[in-house]
Amino acid sequence: MLQVNHNKDEYSVAGKSKRILVVEPSRINWIGLQRLLGCTGNAELSFCRVSEITEAKQKIHEFKPDVILFTSLSRGTDYLLLLSFLSDVASYHLNTHSVIWLPHDMEWMTQLLHAFGVTTVLIDPVNLYEISQCLGDKPSSNVEKKVCLLGKQERVIALDFFRGKSATTIANAAGKDVRTISTQKKSIIKKLKIRTNEEFYLLAGKLIYLNKINRQEW
């Protein structure tokens, strides 16, 4: 039986059902998603929907989801906050799988999301089979073998660079030698399969720009 929570501040769980925490800002999209999820054929699923990442950070401790499903990265999304949350999930919620549904024009984020611990990235258009696989007993992973999960400290340092901080600033705040931070940055670049420093800073600039635009539009 498919169970869906219609109130973002509450949830319902049936017996040993699988728990899915859905992060979806739009209630209209959520209504449509409920119908789509109802067609997957998965039984014994319990859903809890929140509209913001900050709510998800609180709800993950209460709801203890098996899967966190981000169904849309839309206007207002704080991508650095998202990466920080995904990093926490990868570090402290090892049995929770993260699934992100991206619009086709954001496919460039796929490798970065995998490096921050996301199990599966879905790219529009998405079919029912793909959704069913993500919510099944053993969520499928579309992580390419060439993508490496960044270590916990590497994710923290990567986020600092993405926020526009310099290696010197990061080193001073962490009480480390700047050469140590530079070495870790090289490791991050290698794991992300980025070829040059310029590409790394271009990625950081793109994330900062998206955050700035989203705040203005939101």
Protein backbone atom coordinates (compact mmCIF):
# COMPACT_ATOMS: atom_id res chain seq x y z
CA MET A 1 0.00 0.00 0.00
CA LEU A 2 1.34 3.40 -0.95
CA GLN A 3 1.04 5.88 1.87
CA VAL A 4 1.49 9.57 1.16
CA ASN A 5 1.72 12.37 3.68
CA HIS A 6 -0.29 15.39 2.60
CA ASN A 7 0.95 17.66 5.39
CA LYS A 8 4.54 18.82 5.14
CA ASP A 9 4.79 19.06 8.93
CA GLU A 10 3.59 15.52 9.63
CA TYR A 11 4.27 12.04 8.41
CA SER A 12 2.70 8.60 8.58
CA VAL A 13 4.48 5.28 8.63
CA ALA A 14 2.91 1.89 8.06
CA GLY A 15 4.61 -0.99 9.83
CA LYS A 16 7.92 -1.84 8.21
CA SER A 17 7.34 0.44 5.25
CA LYS A 18 10.21 2.12 3.51
CA ARG A 19 10.55 5.77 4.44
CA ILE A 20 11.01 8.36 1.71
CA LEU A 21 11.76 11.97 2.64
CA VAL A 22 10.79 14.18 -0.31
CA VAL A 23 12.19 17.70 -0.67
CA GLU A 24 9.80 19.53 -3.00
CA PRO A 25 9.16 23.30 -2.71
CA SER A 26 5.97 23.41 -4.78
CA ARG A 27 2.74 21.92 -3.43
CA ILE A 28 1.37 21.73 -6.96
CA ASN A 29 4.38 19.70 -8.07
CA TRP A 30 3.99 17.53 -4.98
CA ILE A 31 0.39 16.70 -5.87
CA GLY A 32 1.49 15.64 -9.35
CA LEU A 33 4.39 13.68 -7.90
CA GLN A 34 2.06 11.76 -5.59
CA ARG A 35 0.14 10.48 -8.61
CA LEU A 36 3.36 9.56 -10.38
CA LEU A 37 4.74 7.72 -7.36
CA GLY A 38 1.45 5.89 -7.02
CA CYS A 39 2.05 4.38 -10.46
CA THR A 40 5.43 2.88 -9.62
CA GLY A 41 3.92 -0.29 -8.19
CA ASN A 42 6.03 -0.09 -5.02
CA ALA A 43 4.16 -1.27 -1.94
CA GLU A 44 4.63 -0.24 1.65
CA LEU A 45 6.13 3.17 1.03
CA SER A 46 5.70 6.01 3.52
CA PHE A 47 6.36 9.56 2.40
CA CYS A 48 7.13 12.74 4.26
CA ARG A 49 7.34 15.95 2.26
CA VAL A 50 9.20 19.10 3.25
CA SER A 51 9.60 22.21 1.15
CA GLU A 52 13.09 23.39 2.12
CA ILE A 53 16.53 21.95 2.79
CA THR A 54 16.55 23.50 6.28
CA GLU A 55 13.39 21.52 7.09
CA ALA A 56 14.98 18.35 5.72
CA LYS A 57 17.97 18.84 8.04
CA GLN A 58 15.59 18.71 11.01
CA LYS A 59 13.25 16.03 9.69
CA ILE A 60 15.99 13.52 8.86
CA HIS A 61 16.56 12.91 12.58
CA GLU A 62 12.85 12.52 13.33
CA PHE A 63 11.69 10.59 10.26
CA LYS A 64 14.87 8.51 9.77
CA PRO A 65 14.36 8.06 6.01
CA ASP A 66 15.77 5.25 3.90
CA VAL A 67 15.82 7.58 0.89
CA ILE A 68 15.93 11.36 0.52
CA LEU A 69 14.43 12.36 -2.81
CA PHE A 70 15.06 15.88 -4.14
CA THR A 71 12.51 16.25 -6.90
CA SER A 72 13.37 19.71 -8.17
CA LEU A 73 16.20 22.18 -7.87
CA SER A 74 14.33 25.36 -8.64
CA ARG A 75 14.54 29.07 -8.07
CA GLY A 76 15.50 29.75 -4.50
CA THR A 77 17.69 26.66 -4.16
CA ASP A 78 20.83 27.35 -2.14
CA TYR A 79 23.26 24.99 -3.87
CA LEU A 80 26.01 25.41 -1.29
CA LEU A 81 23.55 24.61 1.49
CA LEU A 82 22.43 21.59 -0.53
CA LEU A 83 26.01 20.32 -0.90
CA SER A 84 26.61 20.88 2.81
CA PHE A 85 23.49 18.86 3.67
CA LEU A 86 24.46 16.07 1.27
CA SER A 87 27.89 15.98 2.89
CA ASP A 88 26.29 15.56 6.32
CA VAL A 89 24.09 12.74 5.02
CA ALA A 90 27.14 10.98 3.59
CA SER A 91 29.00 11.36 6.90
CA TYR A 92 26.34 10.70 9.53
CA HIS A 93 23.46 8.83 7.84
CA LEU A 94 25.25 5.97 6.14
CA ASN A 95 22.07 3.93 5.58
CA THR A 96 20.23 6.79 3.88
CA HIS A 97 20.42 7.03 0.10
CA SER A 98 20.21 10.41 -1.62
CA VAL A 99 18.45 10.74 -4.97
CA ILE A 100 18.33 14.00 -6.93
CA TRP A 101 16.11 14.72 -9.93
CA LEU A 102 17.78 17.32 -12.17
CA PRO A 103 16.42 19.31 -15.10
CA HIS A 104 18.29 18.47 -18.29
CA ASP A 105 20.13 21.81 -18.36
CA MET A 106 21.76 21.06 -14.99
CA GLU A 107 23.29 17.73 -15.95
CA TRP A 108 26.71 19.35 -15.44
CA MET A 109 26.16 18.98 -11.66
CA THR A 110 25.96 15.18 -11.81
CA GLN A 111 29.59 14.39 -11.09
CA LEU A 112 29.80 16.98 -8.30
CA LEU A 113 26.68 15.57 -6.61
CA HIS A 114 28.07 12.04 -6.74
CA ALA A 115 31.32 13.29 -5.20
CA PHE A 116 29.26 14.65 -2.29
CA GLY A 117 27.62 11.28 -1.68
CA VAL A 118 24.51 11.24 -3.87
CA THR A 119 23.60 7.67 -4.80
CA THR A 120 21.53 8.38 -7.90
CA VAL A 121 21.07 11.41 -10.15
CA LEU A 122 18.03 11.37 -12.44
CA ILE A 123 18.00 13.62 -15.50
CA ASP A 124 14.79 14.78 -17.17
CA PRO A 125 12.94 13.16 -18.80
CA VAL A 126 12.57 10.45 -16.13
CA ASN A 127 10.44 7.33 -16.56
CA LEU A 128 8.56 5.27 -13.99
CA TYR A 129 11.09 2.44 -14.10
CA GLU A 130 13.91 4.78 -13.03
CA ILE A 131 11.83 6.12 -10.14
CA SER A 132 10.85 2.61 -9.07
CA GLN A 133 14.50 1.54 -9.05
CA CYS A 134 15.43 4.49 -6.83
CA LEU A 135 12.74 3.69 -4.28
CA GLY A 136 13.20 -0.08 -4.31
CA ASP A 137 14.67 -2.29 -1.60
CA LYS A 138 18.14 -1.80 -3.07
CA PRO A 139 18.29 1.65 -4.67
CA SER A 140 20.23 1.55 -7.89
CA SER A 141 23.33 3.66 -8.23
CA ASN A 142 24.28 5.39 -11.44
CA VAL A 143 27.62 6.54 -10.07
CA GLU A 144 30.22 6.11 -12.74
CA LYS A 145 33.28 4.18 -11.63
CA LYS A 146 35.49 7.14 -12.47
CA VAL A 147 33.71 9.34 -9.89
CA CYS A 148 35.28 9.25 -6.43
CA LEU A 149 33.49 10.20 -3.23
CA LEU A 150 35.31 13.06 -1.59
CA GLY A 151 36.45 12.46 1.97
CA LYS A 152 34.71 14.31 4.79
CA GLN A 153 37.50 16.88 5.18
CA GLU A 154 37.79 17.25 1.40
CA ARG A 155 34.08 18.08 1.19
CA VAL A 156 34.48 20.75 3.87
CA ILE A 157 37.43 22.30 2.05
CA ALA A 158 35.68 22.10 -1.33
CA LEU A 159 32.70 23.97 0.12
CA ASP A 160 35.02 26.67 1.45
CA PHE A 161 36.50 27.13 -2.02
CA PHE A 162 33.00 27.14 -3.53
CA ARG A 163 32.13 29.96 -1.12
CA GLY A 164 34.94 32.01 -2.62
CA LYS A 165 37.52 31.58 0.15
CA SER A 166 41.23 31.45 -0.65
CA ALA A 167 43.60 28.67 0.37
CA THR A 168 45.25 31.07 2.82
CA THR A 169 41.92 31.99 4.46
CA ILE A 170 40.92 28.34 4.74
CA ALA A 171 44.31 27.39 6.19
CA ASN A 172 44.19 30.17 8.79
CA ALA A 173 40.67 29.23 9.89
CA ALA A 174 41.58 25.54 10.15
CA GLY A 175 44.95 26.15 11.80
CA LYS A 176 46.76 24.35 8.98
CA ASP A 177 49.64 25.11 6.68
CA VAL A 178 48.49 26.62 3.39
CA ARG A 179 50.49 23.94 1.57
CA THR A 180 48.32 21.28 3.22
CA ILE A 181 45.18 22.98 1.92
CA SER A 182 46.70 23.30 -1.55
CA THR A 183 47.54 19.58 -1.54
CA GLN A 184 43.99 18.71 -0.51
CA LYS A 185 42.64 20.96 -3.25
CA LYS A 186 44.72 19.03 -5.80
CA SER A 187 43.19 15.80 -4.48
CA ILE A 188 39.69 17.28 -4.80
CA ILE A 189 40.36 18.39 -8.37
CA LYS A 190 41.67 14.93 -9.25
CA LYS A 191 38.66 13.15 -7.75
CA LEU A 192 36.25 15.47 -9.55
CA LYS A 193 38.06 14.65 -12.80
CA ILE A 194 38.72 18.34 -13.36
CA ARG A 195 41.81 19.00 -15.45
CA THR A 196 42.93 22.43 -14.28
CA ASN A 197 42.68 24.96 -11.45
CA GLU A 198 40.81 27.22 -13.85
CA GLU A 199 38.07 24.61 -14.35
CA PHE A 200 37.77 24.18 -10.59
CA TYR A 201 37.34 27.91 -10.01
CA LEU A 202 34.92 28.09 -12.95
CA LEU A 203 32.78 25.47 -11.20
CA ALA A 204 32.96 27.44 -7.95
CA GLY A 205 32.02 30.63 -9.79
CA LYS A 206 29.04 28.95 -11.43
CA LEU A 207 27.69 27.81 -8.05
CA ILE A 208 28.17 31.27 -6.53
CA TYR A 209 26.46 32.88 -9.54
CA LEU A 210 23.48 30.50 -9.35
CA ASN A 211 23.06 31.24 -5.65
CA LYS A 212 23.18 34.98 -6.31
CA ILE A 213 20.62 34.79 -9.12
CA ASN A 214 18.34 32.55 -7.07
CA ARG A 215 18.35 34.97 -4.14
CA GLN A 216 17.46 37.86 -6.44
CA GLU A 217 14.64 35.98 -8.17
CA TRP A 218 13.30 34.41 -4.99
